[in-house]
Amino acid sequence: MDVLKIHDINPDGVRIQIKWDKMVVGSSVFIPCIDTDEARSQVRKIADSKGWKIDYRVRVESGNMGVRIWRLV
């Protein structure tokens, strides 16, 4: 079993590590997942803790469902 670190997410029960320190304003990342509501909730908590504004869209990319998030501020 993987241990979640403070800024990891696991919307479908599988740990996803995002390199938050590499996210500059205007950058985006695609998070493949089925439970898009949980992914958005977990990402929103992390963004709020960092003081960031984000936007997100549920999308299908390369045949995978998920959420793309953009860092706005």
PDB file of N, CA and C in Angstrom:
ATOM      1  N   MET A   1       0.837  -1.179   0.000  1.00  0.00           N
ATOM      2  CA  MET A   1       0.000   0.000   0.000  1.00  0.00           C
ATOM      3  C   MET A   1       0.883   1.243   0.000  1.00  0.00           C
ATOM      4  N   ASP A   2       0.557   2.171  -0.897  1.00  0.00           N
ATOM      5  CA  ASP A   2       1.297   3.431  -0.970  1.00  0.00           C
ATOM      6  C   ASP A   2       0.793   4.391   0.092  1.00  0.00           C
ATOM      7  N   VAL A   3       1.713   5.105   0.695  1.00  0.00           N
ATOM      8  CA  VAL A   3       1.360   6.114   1.682  1.00  0.00           C
ATOM      9  C   VAL A   3       1.242   7.447   0.961  1.00  0.00           C
ATOM     10  N   LEU A   4       0.119   8.131   1.181  1.00  0.00           N
ATOM     11  CA  LEU A   4      -0.073   9.444   0.565  1.00  0.00           C
ATOM     12  C   LEU A   4       0.761  10.488   1.277  1.00  0.00           C
ATOM     13  N   LYS A   5       1.454  11.295   0.514  1.00  0.00           N
ATOM     14  CA  LYS A   5       2.150  12.436   1.072  1.00  0.00           C
ATOM     15  C   LYS A   5       1.179  13.607   1.058  1.00  0.00           C
ATOM     16  N   ILE A   6       1.533  14.693   1.684  1.00  0.00           N
ATOM     17  CA  ILE A   6       0.595  15.796   1.913  1.00  0.00           C
ATOM     18  C   ILE A   6      -0.031  16.345   0.636  1.00  0.00           C
ATOM     19  N   HIS A   7       0.686  16.359  -0.472  1.00  0.00           N
ATOM     20  CA  HIS A   7       0.140  16.926  -1.696  1.00  0.00           C
ATOM     21  C   HIS A   7      -0.083  15.885  -2.792  1.00  0.00           C
ATOM     22  N   ASP A   8      -0.177  14.608  -2.435  1.00  0.00           N
ATOM     23  CA  ASP A   8      -0.571  13.574  -3.380  1.00  0.00           C
ATOM     24  C   ASP A   8      -2.092  13.520  -3.420  1.00  0.00           C
ATOM     25  N   ILE A   9      -2.620  13.003  -4.506  1.00  0.00           N
ATOM     26  CA  ILE A   9      -4.062  12.802  -4.591  1.00  0.00           C
ATOM     27  C   ILE A   9      -4.330  11.332  -4.908  1.00  0.00           C
ATOM     28  N   ASN A  10      -5.547  10.896  -4.653  1.00  0.00           N
ATOM     29  CA  ASN A  10      -5.918   9.509  -4.940  1.00  0.00           C
ATOM     30  C   ASN A  10      -7.425   9.388  -5.216  1.00  0.00           C
ATOM     31  N   PRO A  11      -7.904  10.037  -6.262  1.00  0.00           N
ATOM     32  CA  PRO A  11      -9.353  10.064  -6.498  1.00  0.00           C
ATOM     33  C   PRO A  11      -9.969   8.682  -6.723  1.00  0.00           C
ATOM     34  N   ASP A  12      -9.229   7.747  -7.279  1.00  0.00           N
ATOM     35  CA  ASP A  12      -9.740   6.402  -7.529  1.00  0.00           C
ATOM     36  C   ASP A  12      -9.078   5.359  -6.634  1.00  0.00           C
ATOM     37  N   GLY A  13      -8.389   5.812  -5.597  1.00  0.00           N
ATOM     38  CA  GLY A  13      -7.714   4.888  -4.699  1.00  0.00           C
ATOM     39  C   GLY A  13      -6.286   4.567  -5.105  1.00  0.00           C
ATOM     40  N   VAL A  14      -5.808   5.172  -6.175  1.00  0.00           N
ATOM     41  CA  VAL A  14      -4.436   4.979  -6.640  1.00  0.00           C
ATOM     42  C   VAL A  14      -3.701   6.297  -6.480  1.00  0.00           C
ATOM     43  N   ARG A  15      -2.545   6.261  -5.818  1.00  0.00           N
ATOM     44  CA  ARG A  15      -1.793   7.485  -5.550  1.00  0.00           C
ATOM     45  C   ARG A  15      -1.287   8.118  -6.840  1.00  0.00           C
ATOM     46  N   ILE A  16      -1.515   9.420  -6.963  1.00  0.00           N
ATOM     47  CA  ILE A  16      -1.011  10.210  -8.096  1.00  0.00           C
ATOM     48  C   ILE A  16      -0.151  11.318  -7.522  1.00  0.00           C
ATOM     49  N   GLN A  17       1.081  11.377  -7.982  1.00  0.00           N
ATOM     50  CA  GLN A  17       1.998  12.427  -7.548  1.00  0.00           C
ATOM     51  C   GLN A  17       2.078  13.488  -8.642  1.00  0.00           C
ATOM     52  N   ILE A  18       1.843  14.711  -8.262  1.00  0.00           N
ATOM     53  CA  ILE A  18       1.941  15.845  -9.187  1.00  0.00           C
ATOM     54  C   ILE A  18       3.080  16.724  -8.709  1.00  0.00           C
ATOM     55  N   LYS A  19       3.896  17.164  -9.613  1.00  0.00           N
ATOM     56  CA  LYS A  19       5.030  18.026  -9.258  1.00  0.00           C
ATOM     57  C   LYS A  19       4.518  19.460  -9.132  1.00  0.00           C
ATOM     58  N   TRP A  20       3.892  19.727  -7.987  1.00  0.00           N
ATOM     59  CA  TRP A  20       3.282  21.033  -7.759  1.00  0.00           C
ATOM     60  C   TRP A  20       4.303  22.158  -7.845  1.00  0.00           C
ATOM     61  N   ASP A  21       5.546  21.908  -7.452  1.00  0.00           N
ATOM     62  CA  ASP A  21       6.569  22.953  -7.486  1.00  0.00           C
ATOM     63  C   ASP A  21       6.926  23.353  -8.917  1.00  0.00           C
ATOM     64  N   LYS A  22       6.557  22.537  -9.895  1.00  0.00           N
ATOM     65  CA  LYS A  22       6.813  22.849 -11.304  1.00  0.00           C
ATOM     66  C   LYS A  22       5.644  23.591 -11.951  1.00  0.00           C
ATOM     67  N   MET A  23       4.521  23.705 -11.229  1.00  0.00           N
ATOM     68  CA  MET A  23       3.323  24.358 -11.773  1.00  0.00           C
ATOM     69  C   MET A  23       3.474  25.874 -11.684  1.00  0.00           C
ATOM     70  N   VAL A  24       3.718  26.499 -12.823  1.00  0.00           N
ATOM     71  CA  VAL A  24       3.784  27.952 -12.880  1.00  0.00           C
ATOM     72  C   VAL A  24       2.451  28.466 -13.420  1.00  0.00           C
ATOM     73  N   VAL A  25       2.198  29.747 -13.256  1.00  0.00           N
ATOM     74  CA  VAL A  25       0.961  30.338 -13.754  1.00  0.00           C
ATOM     75  C   VAL A  25       0.850  30.054 -15.257  1.00  0.00           C
ATOM     76  N   GLY A  26      -0.306  29.526 -15.657  1.00  0.00           N
ATOM     77  CA  GLY A  26      -0.554  29.197 -17.057  1.00  0.00           C
ATOM     78  C   GLY A  26      -0.288  27.740 -17.408  1.00  0.00           C
ATOM     79  N   SER A  27       0.370  27.002 -16.515  1.00  0.00           N
ATOM     80  CA  SER A  27       0.646  25.596 -16.812  1.00  0.00           C
ATOM     81  C   SER A  27      -0.563  24.729 -16.464  1.00  0.00           C
ATOM     82  N   SER A  28      -0.566  23.527 -17.025  1.00  0.00           N
ATOM     83  CA  SER A  28      -1.671  22.617 -16.768  1.00  0.00           C
ATOM     84  C   SER A  28      -1.148  21.195 -16.620  1.00  0.00           C
ATOM     85  N   VAL A  29      -1.998  20.351 -16.056  1.00  0.00           N
ATOM     86  CA  VAL A  29      -1.672  18.936 -15.913  1.00  0.00           C
ATOM     87  C   VAL A  29      -2.970  18.149 -16.075  1.00  0.00           C
ATOM     88  N   PHE A  30      -2.870  16.992 -16.726  1.00  0.00           N
ATOM     89  CA  PHE A  30      -4.019  16.112 -16.899  1.00  0.00           C
ATOM     90  C   PHE A  30      -3.932  15.010 -15.858  1.00  0.00           C
ATOM     91  N   ILE A  31      -5.032  14.799 -15.145  1.00  0.00           N
ATOM     92  CA  ILE A  31      -5.105  13.763 -14.114  1.00  0.00           C
ATOM     93  C   ILE A  31      -6.094  12.706 -14.603  1.00  0.00           C
ATOM     94  N   PRO A  32      -5.594  11.549 -15.067  1.00  0.00           N
ATOM     95  CA  PRO A  32      -6.509  10.505 -15.513  1.00  0.00           C
ATOM     96  C   PRO A  32      -7.217   9.882 -14.312  1.00  0.00           C
ATOM     97  N   CYS A  33      -8.547   9.813 -14.367  1.00  0.00           N
ATOM     98  CA  CYS A  33      -9.306   9.248 -13.256  1.00  0.00           C
ATOM     99  C   CYS A  33     -10.752   9.033 -13.672  1.00  0.00           C
ATOM    100  N   ILE A  34     -11.447   8.218 -12.916  1.00  0.00           N
ATOM    101  CA  ILE A  34     -12.873   7.983 -13.112  1.00  0.00           C
ATOM    102  C   ILE A  34     -13.675   8.911 -12.204  1.00  0.00           C
ATOM    103  N   ASP A  35     -13.261   9.024 -10.951  1.00  0.00           N
ATOM    104  CA  ASP A  35     -13.974   9.852  -9.973  1.00  0.00           C
ATOM    105  C   ASP A  35     -13.509  11.302 -10.102  1.00  0.00           C
ATOM    106  N   THR A  36     -14.020  11.975 -11.121  1.00  0.00           N
ATOM    107  CA  THR A  36     -13.578  13.343 -11.408  1.00  0.00           C
ATOM    108  C   THR A  36     -14.000  14.319 -10.320  1.00  0.00           C
ATOM    109  N   ASP A  37     -15.133  14.075  -9.661  1.00  0.00           N
ATOM    110  CA  ASP A  37     -15.554  14.956  -8.567  1.00  0.00           C
ATOM    111  C   ASP A  37     -14.553  14.904  -7.422  1.00  0.00           C
ATOM    112  N   GLU A  38     -14.086  13.713  -7.080  1.00  0.00           N
ATOM    113  CA  GLU A  38     -13.105  13.569  -5.994  1.00  0.00           C
ATOM    114  C   GLU A  38     -11.766  14.193  -6.395  1.00  0.00           C
ATOM    115  N   ALA A  39     -11.370  14.020  -7.646  1.00  0.00           N
ATOM    116  CA  ALA A  39     -10.116  14.622  -8.120  1.00  0.00           C
ATOM    117  C   ALA A  39     -10.182  16.140  -8.003  1.00  0.00           C
ATOM    118  N   ARG A  40     -11.288  16.722  -8.441  1.00  0.00           N
ATOM    119  CA  ARG A  40     -11.436  18.184  -8.351  1.00  0.00           C
ATOM    120  C   ARG A  40     -11.416  18.640  -6.902  1.00  0.00           C
ATOM    121  N   SER A  41     -12.071  17.897  -6.019  1.00  0.00           N
ATOM    122  CA  SER A  41     -12.099  18.253  -4.597  1.00  0.00           C
ATOM    123  C   SER A  41     -10.699  18.210  -3.995  1.00  0.00           C
ATOM    124  N   GLN A  42      -9.956  17.155  -4.284  1.00  0.00           N
ATOM    125  CA  GLN A  42      -8.608  17.024  -3.726  1.00  0.00           C
ATOM    126  C   GLN A  42      -7.675  18.093  -4.274  1.00  0.00           C
ATOM    127  N   VAL A  43      -7.762  18.374  -5.568  1.00  0.00           N
ATOM    128  CA  VAL A  43      -6.910  19.402  -6.174  1.00  0.00           C
ATOM    129  C   VAL A  43      -7.269  20.774  -5.629  1.00  0.00           C
ATOM    130  N   ARG A  44      -8.564  21.038  -5.445  1.00  0.00           N
ATOM    131  CA  ARG A  44      -8.983  22.335  -4.918  1.00  0.00           C
ATOM    132  C   ARG A  44      -8.400  22.564  -3.514  1.00  0.00           C
ATOM    133  N   LYS A  45      -8.381  21.542  -2.671  1.00  0.00           N
ATOM    134  CA  LYS A  45      -7.823  21.675  -1.321  1.00  0.00           C
ATOM    135  C   LYS A  45      -6.338  22.018  -1.381  1.00  0.00           C
ATOM    136  N   ILE A  46      -5.620  21.366  -2.276  1.00  0.00           N
ATOM    137  CA  ILE A  46      -4.182  21.635  -2.401  1.00  0.00           C
ATOM    138  C   ILE A  46      -3.966  23.058  -2.926  1.00  0.00           C
ATOM    139  N   ALA A  47      -4.720  23.445  -3.950  1.00  0.00           N
ATOM    140  CA  ALA A  47      -4.584  24.795  -4.508  1.00  0.00           C
ATOM    141  C   ALA A  47      -4.911  25.846  -3.459  1.00  0.00           C
ATOM    142  N   ASP A  48      -5.966  25.622  -2.683  1.00  0.00           N
ATOM    143  CA  ASP A  48      -6.319  26.575  -1.619  1.00  0.00           C
ATOM    144  C   ASP A  48      -5.199  26.695  -0.594  1.00  0.00           C
ATOM    145  N   SER A  49      -4.569  25.561  -0.256  1.00  0.00           N
ATOM    146  CA  SER A  49      -3.488  25.592   0.743  1.00  0.00           C
ATOM    147  C   SER A  49      -2.275  26.361   0.227  1.00  0.00           C
ATOM    148  N   LYS A  50      -2.119  26.418  -1.096  1.00  0.00           N
ATOM    149  CA  LYS A  50      -1.004  27.145  -1.706  1.00  0.00           C
ATOM    150  C   LYS A  50      -1.387  28.582  -2.081  1.00  0.00           C
ATOM    151  N   GLY A  51      -2.669  28.936  -1.929  1.00  0.00           N
ATOM    152  CA  GLY A  51      -3.125  30.267  -2.300  1.00  0.00           C
ATOM    153  C   GLY A  51      -3.268  30.452  -3.797  1.00  0.00           C
ATOM    154  N   TRP A  52      -3.417  29.353  -4.528  1.00  0.00           N
ATOM    155  CA  TRP A  52      -3.528  29.396  -5.983  1.00  0.00           C
ATOM    156  C   TRP A  52      -4.985  29.434  -6.404  1.00  0.00           C
ATOM    157  N   LYS A  53      -5.237  30.066  -7.541  1.00  0.00           N
ATOM    158  CA  LYS A  53      -6.518  29.953  -8.224  1.00  0.00           C
ATOM    159  C   LYS A  53      -6.305  28.971  -9.365  1.00  0.00           C
ATOM    160  N   ILE A  54      -7.284  28.091  -9.558  1.00  0.00           N
ATOM    161  CA  ILE A  54      -7.175  27.097 -10.615  1.00  0.00           C
ATOM    162  C   ILE A  54      -8.478  27.050 -11.412  1.00  0.00           C
ATOM    163  N   ASP A  55      -8.381  26.499 -12.581  1.00  0.00           N
ATOM    164  CA  ASP A  55      -9.550  26.175 -13.386  1.00  0.00           C
ATOM    165  C   ASP A  55      -9.404  24.708 -13.756  1.00  0.00           C
ATOM    166  N   TYR A  56     -10.507  24.044 -14.008  1.00  0.00           N
ATOM    167  CA  TYR A  56     -10.441  22.632 -14.369  1.00  0.00           C
ATOM    168  C   TYR A  56     -11.581  22.282 -15.297  1.00  0.00           C
ATOM    169  N   ARG A  57     -11.340  21.252 -16.102  1.00  0.00           N
ATOM    170  CA  ARG A  57     -12.337  20.729 -17.024  1.00  0.00           C
ATOM    171  C   ARG A  57     -12.254  19.208 -17.003  1.00  0.00           C
ATOM    172  N   VAL A  58     -13.412  18.568 -16.960  1.00  0.00           N
ATOM    173  CA  VAL A  58     -13.464  17.118 -17.135  1.00  0.00           C
ATOM    174  C   VAL A  58     -13.316  16.869 -18.630  1.00  0.00           C
ATOM    175  N   ARG A  59     -12.383  15.995 -18.995  1.00  0.00           N
ATOM    176  CA  ARG A  59     -12.061  15.787 -20.407  1.00  0.00           C
ATOM    177  C   ARG A  59     -11.726  14.333 -20.677  1.00  0.00           C
ATOM    178  N   VAL A  60     -11.736  13.990 -21.948  1.00  0.00           N
ATOM    179  CA  VAL A  60     -11.190  12.722 -22.417  1.00  0.00           C
ATOM    180  C   VAL A  60     -10.001  13.083 -23.290  1.00  0.00           C
ATOM    181  N   GLU A  61      -8.819  12.611 -22.894  1.00  0.00           N
ATOM    182  CA  GLU A  61      -7.595  12.882 -23.650  1.00  0.00           C
ATOM    183  C   GLU A  61      -6.913  11.558 -23.952  1.00  0.00           C
ATOM    184  N   SER A  62      -6.576  11.359 -25.195  1.00  0.00           N
ATOM    185  CA  SER A  62      -5.934  10.112 -25.646  1.00  0.00           C
ATOM    186  C   SER A  62      -6.716   8.886 -25.171  1.00  0.00           C
ATOM    187  N   GLY A  63      -8.031   9.003 -25.173  1.00  0.00           N
ATOM    188  CA  GLY A  63      -8.880   7.883 -24.784  1.00  0.00           C
ATOM    189  C   GLY A  63      -9.034   7.692 -23.290  1.00  0.00           C
ATOM    190  N   ASN A  64      -8.462   8.583 -22.485  1.00  0.00           N
ATOM    191  CA  ASN A  64      -8.538   8.475 -21.027  1.00  0.00           C
ATOM    192  C   ASN A  64      -9.403   9.591 -20.454  1.00  0.00           C
ATOM    193  N   MET A  65     -10.342   9.209 -19.593  1.00  0.00           N
ATOM    194  CA  MET A  65     -11.152  10.196 -18.909  1.00  0.00           C
ATOM    195  C   MET A  65     -10.367  10.762 -17.743  1.00  0.00           C
ATOM    196  N   GLY A  66     -10.609  12.032 -17.432  1.00  0.00           N
ATOM    197  CA  GLY A  66      -9.914  12.639 -16.310  1.00  0.00           C
ATOM    198  C   GLY A  66     -10.239  14.110 -16.183  1.00  0.00           C
ATOM    199  N   VAL A  67      -9.377  14.798 -15.459  1.00  0.00           N
ATOM    200  CA  VAL A  67      -9.542  16.225 -15.217  1.00  0.00           C
ATOM    201  C   VAL A  67      -8.260  16.932 -15.617  1.00  0.00           C
ATOM    202  N   ARG A  68      -8.376  17.987 -16.411  1.00  0.00           N
ATOM    203  CA  ARG A  68      -7.222  18.844 -16.709  1.00  0.00           C
ATOM    204  C   ARG A  68      -7.380  20.074 -15.829  1.00  0.00           C
ATOM    205  N   ILE A  69      -6.303  20.401 -15.116  1.00  0.00           N
ATOM    206  CA  ILE A  69      -6.307  21.589 -14.269  1.00  0.00           C
ATOM    207  C   ILE A  69      -5.286  22.590 -14.794  1.00  0.00           C
ATOM    208  N   TRP A  70      -5.617  23.869 -14.654  1.00  0.00           N
ATOM    209  CA  TRP A  70      -4.728  24.956 -15.031  1.00  0.00           C
ATOM    210  C   TRP A  70      -4.485  25.825 -13.815  1.00  0.00           C
ATOM    211  N   ARG A  71      -3.253  26.223 -13.600  1.00  0.00           N
ATOM    212  CA  ARG A  71      -2.947  27.177 -12.534  1.00  0.00           C
ATOM    213  C   ARG A  71      -3.124  28.576 -13.108  1.00  0.00           C
ATOM    214  N   LEU A  72      -3.993  29.346 -12.473  1.00  0.00           N
ATOM    215  CA  LEU A  72      -4.248  30.699 -12.942  1.00  0.00           C
ATOM    216  C   LEU A  72      -3.428  31.730 -12.179  1.00  0.00           C
ATOM    217  N   VAL A  73      -3.362  31.620 -10.854  1.00  0.00           N
ATOM    218  CA  VAL A  73      -2.610  32.575 -10.036  1.00  0.00           C
ATOM    219  C   VAL A  73      -2.003  31.830  -8.875  1.00  0.00           C
TER     220      VAL A  73
END
